Amino acid sequence: MSVDDSRQAQDIRTGERGARMSGPRVLVAGASIAGPALAHWLRRRGAEVTVVERAPELRPGGQAVDARGIAKEVIGRMGLDAAVRAARTDTAGAYMVDADGNTLETHRAEDHGGDGFIADIEILRGDLSQVLYDDTRDGVEYVFGDRIAELSQDADGVDVVFAGGDRRRFDLVIGADGLHSQLRAMVFGPRERFIRHLGLVLAFYSVPNEFGVDRWMIDYQEAGRSAGLRPVPDATRAMAMFSFPAADFDVDYRDVEAQKRLLRERMDGFGWLTQRILAHVDDTPDFYLDQVAQVVMERWSSGRVGLLGDAAFSASPMSGAGTGLALVGAYLLAGELAAAGWDPEAGFAGYEARMRSYVQANQEIGRLHVRSLGVPGQDDEPSPDFTGEWFAELIDRAINGVELPDYAGVPDSGASAGLQVISSAKP
């Protein structure tokens, strides 16, 4: 759809005096990173946005996530560079150590222009979520402690029944509810059709910083397993990290006690500081364990329902790219929908066309990383030669391999500080 067509579609939403009556009503499921980032851009493009999150509040802490390359450009366009940098973990780099704590390799945050193994912008998932929420809370309706229970769509909109009993109608619905997306299962089919387990399980949780962790991450790896510690903004705490191979994964991601038992069993006898770190597993307030998996789909939309972030194209934590994919995807999805005059078929198609190669490159990075760890059962091929030119090209495509259009002529209410508050009252 041309810019003129887009303007004509926008004019339909004006009154006799030309004043804007309302924008398209968009429901976003998920309030972690992808959802609030999308809410930012949808709001700037003129939409009325509701974000529903099944948790009763924002989840604090969590894994450290990174922004590299083109994702940093998106943060700048959001007007949030200063806020994001202020909330960073301030990690100086990483030491790869042996069982006795001797340093084997050193990686610094400034390596590769800040886009290396430890990124210049590294931030706890919960802290980034808080920055995005604070940026959007005054102009977006957030509904916590609820979820989509039923959904039906027709040519003109989507009828949604919430678990809390509310019934509402939206022009578009976007699932940004993570790897285990309920919206994806509801609209596109069972999770087994799309989730690809990579043979690895990842766990992390915060512990008292009795280990002297300062500004450096420490990582110990052996025979497909790993244990590590990394700094967090609260210097009295540190983040513990574990990974171990698992050909199958059938532990309920909501059964925390079963997950803790599994972690103890699989890390039993592992060296370095592992057993001291595991001693804190029952006292931590933020335990997380899940499979390392990717989401592979032929399409990220169906009618007026679309997917974003891990719900659509998880590249796994081993790619180091989940946050970048979410931020870039949010920018492109909102931009393409607005440029198409909010026509879902054209908008979703434009979004997928721009994102697909970028997603594939990052998913390949994730798979290669798992292979490099010698995880049993991945394949019979040896670990690839990462010194080849092919790998440098793949890395560049994974970090910068997507164009960010300016969307000239598409409504944009400006940087976050200048946004006008949109009423969040329910219709």
Protein backbone atom coordinates (compact mmCIF):
# COMPACT_ATOMS: atom_id res chain seq x y z
CA MET A 1 0.00 0.00 0.00
CA SER A 2 1.32 3.45 -0.92
CA VAL A 3 1.77 6.35 1.50
CA ASP A 4 -1.22 8.07 -0.14
CA ASP A 5 -3.35 4.99 0.50
CA SER A 6 -2.15 4.99 4.09
CA ARG A 7 -3.16 8.65 4.52
CA GLN A 8 -6.56 7.92 3.03
CA ALA A 9 -7.06 5.08 5.50
CA GLN A 10 -6.11 7.42 8.33
CA ASP A 11 -8.59 10.04 7.08
CA ILE A 12 -11.42 7.57 7.57
CA ARG A 13 -10.79 7.89 11.31
CA THR A 14 -11.35 11.67 11.40
CA GLY A 15 -14.49 13.62 12.22
CA GLU A 16 -16.18 16.40 10.25
CA ARG A 17 -13.69 19.01 11.47
CA GLY A 18 -10.71 16.85 10.62
CA ALA A 19 -9.81 16.09 14.24
CA ARG A 20 -8.47 12.61 14.90
CA MET A 21 -11.14 10.49 16.57
CA SER A 22 -9.19 7.32 17.32
CA GLY A 23 -6.53 5.04 15.92
CA PRO A 24 -6.76 1.30 15.40
CA ARG A 25 -7.23 -0.62 18.61
CA VAL A 26 -4.42 -3.13 19.13
CA LEU A 27 -4.17 -5.76 21.85
CA VAL A 28 -0.67 -6.99 22.72
CA ALA A 29 -0.21 -10.14 24.84
CA GLY A 30 2.93 -10.03 26.97
CA ALA A 31 4.66 -7.30 28.99
CA SER A 32 8.28 -8.42 29.04
CA ILE A 33 10.37 -6.76 26.31
CA ALA A 34 8.77 -7.34 22.91
CA GLY A 35 5.29 -6.28 24.08
CA PRO A 36 6.14 -2.89 25.63
CA ALA A 37 8.60 -2.16 22.78
CA LEU A 38 5.81 -2.77 20.28
CA ALA A 39 3.44 -0.65 22.38
CA HIS A 40 5.93 2.24 22.14
CA TRP A 41 5.98 2.15 18.34
CA LEU A 42 2.28 1.44 17.86
CA ARG A 43 1.45 4.40 20.05
CA ARG A 44 3.79 6.65 18.10
CA ARG A 45 2.14 5.53 14.86
CA GLY A 46 -1.30 6.49 16.18
CA ALA A 47 -2.74 3.27 17.56
CA GLU A 48 -4.64 2.80 20.81
CA VAL A 49 -2.80 0.03 22.62
CA THR A 50 -3.74 -2.40 25.37
CA VAL A 51 -1.11 -4.76 26.82
CA VAL A 52 -2.34 -7.79 28.77
CA GLU A 53 0.07 -9.71 31.02
CA ARG A 54 -0.87 -12.84 32.94
CA ALA A 55 1.62 -12.10 35.75
CA PRO A 56 0.30 -9.79 38.49
CA GLU A 57 3.16 -7.33 37.93
CA LEU A 58 6.38 -6.87 36.00
CA ARG A 59 8.86 -9.64 36.70
CA PRO A 60 12.12 -8.23 38.11
CA GLY A 61 15.67 -9.48 37.56
CA GLY A 62 16.13 -12.34 35.15
CA GLN A 63 18.82 -13.18 32.67
CA ALA A 64 21.21 -10.54 31.36
CA VAL A 65 20.24 -9.62 27.80
CA ASP A 66 22.16 -7.72 25.16
CA ALA A 67 21.59 -5.14 22.44
CA ARG A 68 24.00 -5.15 19.52
CA GLY A 69 24.31 -3.45 16.17
CA ILE A 70 21.05 -2.37 14.63
CA ALA A 71 19.17 -2.99 17.91
CA LYS A 72 21.12 -0.10 19.47
CA GLU A 73 19.89 2.10 16.62
CA VAL A 74 16.30 1.17 17.49
CA ILE A 75 16.88 2.09 21.14
CA GLY A 76 18.20 5.46 19.97
CA ARG A 77 15.16 6.05 17.77
CA MET A 78 12.96 5.27 20.75
CA GLY A 79 14.67 8.06 22.68
CA LEU A 80 15.69 5.56 25.36
CA ASP A 81 19.46 5.30 24.94
CA ALA A 82 20.24 7.20 28.15
CA ALA A 83 17.65 5.31 30.21
CA VAL A 84 18.82 1.90 28.95
CA ARG A 85 22.49 2.69 29.51
CA ALA A 86 21.76 3.93 33.01
CA ALA A 87 20.25 0.53 33.87
CA ARG A 88 23.07 -1.58 32.42
CA THR A 89 24.85 -4.26 34.44
CA ASP A 90 28.12 -2.43 33.72
CA THR A 91 29.87 -5.73 33.01
CA ALA A 92 33.49 -5.10 31.98
CA GLY A 93 33.96 -8.47 30.32
CA ALA A 94 34.16 -12.21 30.85
CA TYR A 95 36.78 -14.65 32.10
CA MET A 96 36.64 -18.23 30.87
CA VAL A 97 38.23 -20.30 33.65
CA ASP A 98 39.31 -23.85 34.46
CA ALA A 99 38.18 -25.91 37.47
CA ASP A 100 40.73 -24.15 39.68
CA GLY A 101 39.60 -20.67 38.62
CA ASN A 102 42.60 -19.99 36.38
CA THR A 103 41.78 -17.69 33.44
CA LEU A 104 41.86 -19.39 30.03
CA GLU A 105 40.32 -16.63 27.87
CA THR A 106 39.36 -12.99 28.35
CA HIS A 107 36.58 -11.13 26.52
CA ARG A 108 36.08 -7.38 27.04
CA ALA A 109 32.90 -5.35 26.61
CA GLU A 110 34.63 -2.98 24.20
CA ASP A 111 35.67 -5.80 21.85
CA HIS A 112 34.26 -5.55 18.31
CA GLY A 113 32.88 -2.08 18.90
CA GLY A 114 30.77 -3.19 21.84
CA ASP A 115 29.09 -5.97 19.84
CA GLY A 116 31.25 -8.87 21.00
CA PHE A 117 30.74 -11.79 23.39
CA ILE A 118 29.93 -9.31 26.18
CA ALA A 119 27.92 -6.45 24.67
CA ASP A 120 28.37 -2.79 25.52
CA ILE A 121 24.64 -2.67 26.28
CA GLU A 122 23.97 -5.55 28.68
CA ILE A 123 20.99 -5.26 31.00
CA LEU A 124 18.90 -7.57 33.14
CA ARG A 125 15.72 -8.60 31.34
CA GLY A 126 13.57 -7.23 34.16
CA ASP A 127 15.40 -3.89 34.18
CA LEU A 128 14.89 -3.42 30.44
CA SER A 129 11.24 -4.37 30.84
CA GLN A 130 10.93 -1.69 33.53
CA VAL A 131 12.49 0.97 31.27
CA LEU A 132 10.07 0.11 28.48
CA TYR A 133 7.09 0.04 30.85
CA ASP A 134 7.99 3.40 32.38
CA ASP A 135 8.26 4.84 28.87
CA THR A 136 4.79 3.64 27.81
CA ARG A 137 2.68 3.39 30.97
CA ASP A 138 1.07 6.84 30.61
CA GLY A 139 -0.11 6.30 27.06
CA VAL A 140 -0.83 2.57 26.99
CA GLU A 141 -3.40 0.55 28.91
CA TYR A 142 -1.70 -2.24 30.87
CA VAL A 143 -3.82 -5.06 32.28
CA PHE A 144 -1.91 -7.28 34.72
CA GLY A 145 -3.07 -10.58 36.17
CA ASP A 146 -5.20 -11.48 33.14
CA ARG A 147 -4.86 -13.27 29.81
CA ILE A 148 -6.67 -14.03 26.58
CA ALA A 149 -9.02 -16.98 27.17
CA GLU A 150 -10.90 -17.01 23.85
CA LEU A 151 -10.42 -15.30 20.52
CA SER A 152 -12.38 -15.16 17.28
CA GLN A 153 -11.78 -12.98 14.27
CA ASP A 154 -13.64 -11.84 11.19
CA ALA A 155 -12.85 -9.56 8.27
CA ASP A 156 -13.22 -6.41 10.38
CA GLY A 157 -11.80 -7.23 13.80
CA VAL A 158 -11.02 -9.63 16.61
CA ASP A 159 -13.34 -10.49 19.50
CA VAL A 160 -11.45 -11.34 22.69
CA VAL A 161 -12.69 -12.90 25.91
CA PHE A 162 -10.31 -12.41 28.83
CA ALA A 163 -9.88 -14.96 31.62
CA GLY A 164 -11.15 -12.31 34.04
CA GLY A 165 -14.46 -12.17 32.16
CA ASP A 166 -14.04 -8.96 30.15
CA ARG A 167 -15.11 -9.06 26.48
CA ARG A 168 -13.67 -6.57 24.00
CA ARG A 169 -13.11 -6.07 20.30
CA PHE A 170 -9.83 -5.02 18.67
CA ASP A 171 -8.64 -4.30 15.17
CA LEU A 172 -5.44 -6.34 15.63
CA VAL A 173 -4.02 -8.75 18.21
CA ILE A 174 -0.28 -9.38 18.59
CA GLY A 175 1.25 -12.20 20.63
CA ALA A 176 4.49 -11.20 22.36
CA ASP A 177 4.12 -13.78 25.11
CA GLY A 178 7.36 -15.70 24.76
CA LEU A 179 8.59 -19.16 23.89
CA HIS A 180 5.56 -20.85 25.45
CA SER A 181 3.09 -18.45 23.82
CA GLN A 182 -0.51 -19.31 24.61
CA LEU A 183 -1.73 -17.07 21.83
CA ARG A 184 0.40 -18.96 19.31
CA ALA A 185 -1.06 -22.27 20.50
CA MET A 186 -4.59 -20.82 20.36
CA VAL A 187 -4.35 -19.48 16.81
CA PHE A 188 -1.58 -21.40 15.03
CA GLY A 189 -1.53 -24.84 16.64
CA PRO A 190 0.20 -26.88 19.38
CA ARG A 191 3.67 -25.89 20.55
CA GLU A 192 5.21 -29.14 19.25
CA ARG A 193 4.70 -27.93 15.68
CA PHE A 194 6.97 -24.94 16.13
CA ILE A 195 9.42 -25.45 19.02
CA ARG A 196 12.80 -27.01 18.18
CA HIS A 197 14.67 -28.25 21.26
CA LEU A 198 18.44 -27.79 20.83
CA GLY A 199 19.45 -30.43 23.36
CA LEU A 200 20.46 -28.03 26.11
CA VAL A 201 18.84 -26.71 29.30
CA LEU A 202 19.64 -23.32 30.84
CA ALA A 203 19.11 -22.21 34.44
CA PHE A 204 19.88 -19.02 36.32
CA TYR A 205 19.05 -17.36 39.63
CA SER A 206 20.44 -14.69 41.92
CA VAL A 207 22.68 -15.56 44.88
CA PRO A 208 24.44 -13.64 47.66
CA ASN A 209 27.70 -12.28 46.30
CA GLU A 210 29.96 -14.29 48.59
CA PHE A 211 32.12 -15.13 45.58
CA GLY A 212 33.75 -11.73 45.06
CA VAL A 213 32.07 -11.10 41.71
CA ASP A 214 32.87 -7.54 40.69
CA ARG A 215 32.42 -6.26 37.12
CA TRP A 216 33.47 -9.47 35.39
CA MET A 217 31.46 -12.50 34.38
CA ILE A 218 33.15 -15.83 35.17
CA ASP A 219 32.33 -18.97 33.16
CA TYR A 220 33.49 -22.58 33.56
CA GLN A 221 32.72 -25.15 30.84
CA GLU A 222 33.44 -28.85 30.55
CA ALA A 223 31.99 -31.68 28.48
CA GLY A 224 28.82 -29.86 27.43
CA ARG A 225 28.01 -28.48 30.89
CA SER A 226 28.73 -25.00 32.22
CA ALA A 227 28.51 -22.99 35.44
CA GLY A 228 29.02 -19.27 35.81
CA LEU A 229 28.54 -16.12 37.81
CA ARG A 230 27.93 -12.62 36.54
CA PRO A 231 27.54 -9.18 38.13
CA VAL A 232 24.20 -7.44 38.61
CA PRO A 233 23.53 -3.79 39.53
CA ASP A 234 23.11 -4.78 43.20
CA ALA A 235 26.72 -5.51 44.20
CA THR A 236 25.59 -7.61 47.17
CA ARG A 237 24.12 -10.15 44.73
CA ALA A 238 25.37 -12.07 41.70
CA MET A 239 23.61 -14.04 38.96
CA ALA A 240 24.31 -17.78 38.84
CA MET A 241 24.10 -19.52 35.47
CA PHE A 242 24.09 -23.20 34.54
CA SER A 243 23.64 -25.22 31.38
CA PHE A 244 23.58 -28.96 30.79
CA PRO A 245 22.71 -31.31 27.91
CA ALA A 246 19.30 -32.99 27.77
CA ALA A 247 18.15 -34.88 24.71
CA ASP A 248 14.54 -34.55 25.83
CA PHE A 249 12.84 -31.98 28.03
CA ASP A 250 9.57 -32.94 29.66
CA VAL A 251 9.64 -30.92 32.90
CA ASP A 252 6.72 -28.52 33.21
CA TYR A 253 8.14 -25.00 32.89
CA ARG A 254 5.80 -23.96 35.73
CA ASP A 255 6.94 -26.71 38.17
CA VAL A 256 9.80 -24.94 39.94
CA GLU A 257 10.52 -27.73 42.47
CA ALA A 258 10.88 -30.32 39.72
CA GLN A 259 13.18 -27.96 37.86
CA LYS A 260 15.41 -27.51 40.91
CA ARG A 261 15.65 -31.29 41.36
CA LEU A 262 16.65 -31.66 37.74
CA LEU A 263 19.32 -28.99 38.06
CA ARG A 264 20.86 -30.64 41.12
CA GLU A 265 20.88 -34.06 39.43
CA ARG A 266 22.46 -32.86 36.19
CA MET A 267 25.10 -30.65 37.86
CA ASP A 268 26.05 -33.20 40.51
CA GLY A 269 29.81 -33.61 40.69
CA PHE A 270 30.55 -30.65 38.44
CA GLY A 271 33.69 -28.76 39.42
CA TRP A 272 34.73 -25.18 40.14
CA LEU A 273 32.33 -23.34 42.54
CA THR A 274 29.29 -25.25 41.35
CA GLN A 275 28.31 -26.97 44.60
CA ARG A 276 28.63 -23.75 46.63
CA ILE A 277 26.42 -21.95 44.13
CA LEU A 278 23.85 -24.76 44.15
CA ALA A 279 23.60 -24.47 47.95
CA HIS A 280 21.59 -21.27 47.42
CA VAL A 281 19.05 -22.70 44.99
CA ASP A 282 16.28 -23.10 47.60
CA ASP A 283 16.67 -19.57 48.94
CA THR A 284 16.64 -17.60 45.70
CA PRO A 285 13.59 -15.45 44.85
CA ASP A 286 13.97 -15.64 41.07
CA PHE A 287 14.79 -19.18 39.94
CA TYR A 288 14.45 -19.88 36.21
CA LEU A 289 15.04 -23.05 34.20
CA ASP A 290 13.93 -23.91 30.70
CA GLN A 291 14.98 -25.69 27.56
CA VAL A 292 17.18 -23.98 25.00
CA ALA A 293 14.85 -23.92 22.03
CA GLN A 294 13.97 -22.10 18.85
CA VAL A 295 10.61 -21.30 17.28
CA VAL A 296 10.42 -21.99 13.55
CA MET A 297 7.28 -20.95 11.67
CA GLU A 298 6.42 -20.52 8.01
CA ARG A 299 4.27 -17.48 8.83
CA TRP A 300 4.06 -15.17 11.82
CA SER A 301 0.50 -14.04 11.19
CA SER A 302 -2.97 -15.38 10.59
CA GLY A 303 -5.63 -12.89 9.55
CA ARG A 304 -5.63 -10.08 12.11
CA VAL A 305 -3.41 -11.94 14.60
CA GLY A 306 0.36 -11.68 14.49
CA LEU A 307 3.35 -12.80 16.56
CA LEU A 308 6.50 -10.99 17.70
CA GLY A 309 9.70 -11.87 19.55
CA ASP A 310 10.24 -15.35 21.00
CA ALA A 311 6.61 -16.25 20.33
CA ALA A 312 7.31 -15.97 16.59
CA PHE A 313 11.03 -16.59 16.09
CA SER A 314 12.94 -17.45 19.24
CA ALA A 315 16.61 -17.85 18.35
CA SER A 316 17.35 -19.27 21.85
CA PRO A 317 19.50 -17.66 24.56
CA MET A 318 22.54 -19.21 22.89
CA SER A 319 22.17 -16.73 20.03
CA GLY A 320 22.50 -13.71 22.33
CA ALA A 321 19.97 -12.05 20.04
CA GLY A 322 16.53 -12.38 21.60
CA THR A 323 16.38 -8.77 22.75
CA GLY A 324 17.65 -7.42 19.45
CA LEU A 325 15.12 -9.44 17.49
CA ALA A 326 12.32 -8.19 19.76
CA LEU A 327 13.31 -4.51 19.51
CA VAL A 328 13.94 -4.53 15.76
CA GLY A 329 10.82 -6.60 15.15
CA ALA A 330 8.70 -4.16 17.15
CA TYR A 331 9.97 -1.21 15.10
CA LEU A 332 9.32 -2.96 11.79
CA LEU A 333 5.95 -4.47 12.72
CA ALA A 334 4.47 -1.15 13.84
CA GLY A 335 6.03 0.68 10.90
CA GLU A 336 4.82 -1.78 8.27
CA LEU A 337 1.30 -1.90 9.69
CA ALA A 338 1.06 1.90 9.75
CA ALA A 339 2.55 2.20 6.25
CA ALA A 340 -0.10 -0.25 5.03
CA GLY A 341 -2.89 1.84 6.51
CA TRP A 342 -3.33 -0.83 9.21
CA ASP A 343 -4.29 -3.43 6.62
CA PRO A 344 -3.18 -6.66 8.35
CA GLU A 345 -2.41 -8.68 5.23
CA ALA A 346 -0.10 -6.05 3.73
CA GLY A 347 1.38 -4.94 7.04
CA PHE A 348 2.23 -8.43 8.28
CA ALA A 349 3.64 -9.39 4.88
CA GLY A 350 5.97 -6.38 4.88
CA TYR A 351 7.12 -7.15 8.40
CA GLU A 352 7.90 -10.77 7.61
CA ALA A 353 9.73 -9.90 4.38
CA ARG A 354 12.01 -7.45 6.19
CA MET A 355 12.68 -9.65 9.24
CA ARG A 356 13.02 -13.17 7.82
CA SER A 357 16.72 -13.16 6.79
CA TYR A 358 17.73 -11.38 10.00
CA VAL A 359 15.91 -13.99 12.07
CA GLN A 360 17.42 -16.89 10.14
CA ALA A 361 20.96 -15.58 10.65
CA ASN A 362 20.46 -15.29 14.40
CA GLN A 363 18.88 -18.72 14.65
CA GLU A 364 21.89 -20.16 12.81
CA ILE A 365 24.19 -18.47 15.35
CA GLY A 366 22.21 -20.11 18.16
CA ARG A 367 22.50 -23.58 16.62
CA LEU A 368 26.22 -23.16 15.93
CA HIS A 369 26.84 -22.06 19.52
CA VAL A 370 25.20 -25.19 20.87
CA ARG A 371 27.24 -27.36 18.47
CA SER A 372 30.45 -25.67 19.59
CA LEU A 373 29.78 -26.80 23.18
CA GLY A 374 29.88 -30.45 22.16
CA VAL A 375 26.34 -31.12 23.28
CA PRO A 376 25.57 -34.81 22.61
CA GLY A 377 22.91 -35.67 20.08
CA GLN A 378 23.01 -32.47 18.00
CA ASP A 379 24.56 -34.07 14.93
CA ASP A 380 27.62 -36.04 13.94
CA GLU A 381 29.43 -33.10 12.39
CA PRO A 382 32.49 -31.65 14.14
CA SER A 383 32.40 -28.15 15.61
CA PRO A 384 32.66 -25.67 12.72
CA ASP A 385 35.74 -23.56 11.95
CA PHE A 386 34.74 -20.19 13.38
CA THR A 387 37.81 -18.49 11.91
CA GLY A 388 36.46 -18.68 8.35
CA GLU A 389 35.18 -15.71 6.36
CA TRP A 390 31.75 -17.32 6.20
CA PHE A 391 31.38 -16.94 9.97
CA ALA A 392 32.33 -13.26 9.95
CA GLU A 393 29.71 -12.68 7.26
CA LEU A 394 27.10 -14.58 9.26
CA ILE A 395 27.88 -12.55 12.38
CA ASP A 396 27.51 -9.29 10.44
CA ARG A 397 24.15 -10.41 9.04
CA ALA A 398 23.00 -11.41 12.53
CA ILE A 399 24.00 -8.05 14.05
CA ASN A 400 23.28 -5.57 11.27
CA GLY A 401 21.56 -7.53 8.52
CA VAL A 402 18.26 -5.67 8.41
CA GLU A 403 17.19 -2.27 7.09
CA LEU A 404 15.35 0.22 9.30
CA PRO A 405 13.14 2.31 6.98
CA ASP A 406 12.40 5.88 8.01
CA TYR A 407 8.73 5.38 7.07
CA ALA A 408 8.47 8.86 5.63
CA GLY A 409 4.87 10.02 5.54
CA VAL A 410 3.75 7.57 8.23
CA PRO A 411 2.39 9.19 11.42
CA ASP A 412 4.97 9.53 14.17
CA SER A 413 4.19 11.40 17.38
CA GLY A 414 7.90 11.84 18.12
CA ALA A 415 10.42 10.63 20.66
CA SER A 416 9.21 9.23 23.95
CA ALA A 417 9.64 12.44 25.91
CA GLY A 418 7.32 14.31 23.57
CA LEU A 419 4.52 11.78 23.33
CA GLN A 420 1.01 12.90 24.08
CA VAL A 421 -0.80 10.78 26.61
CA ILE A 422 -3.52 8.61 25.08
CA SER A 423 -6.51 7.74 27.23
CA SER A 424 -6.41 4.16 28.43
CA ALA A 425 -10.06 4.04 29.46
CA LYS A 426 -11.86 0.91 28.37
CA PRO A 427 -14.46 1.37 25.65
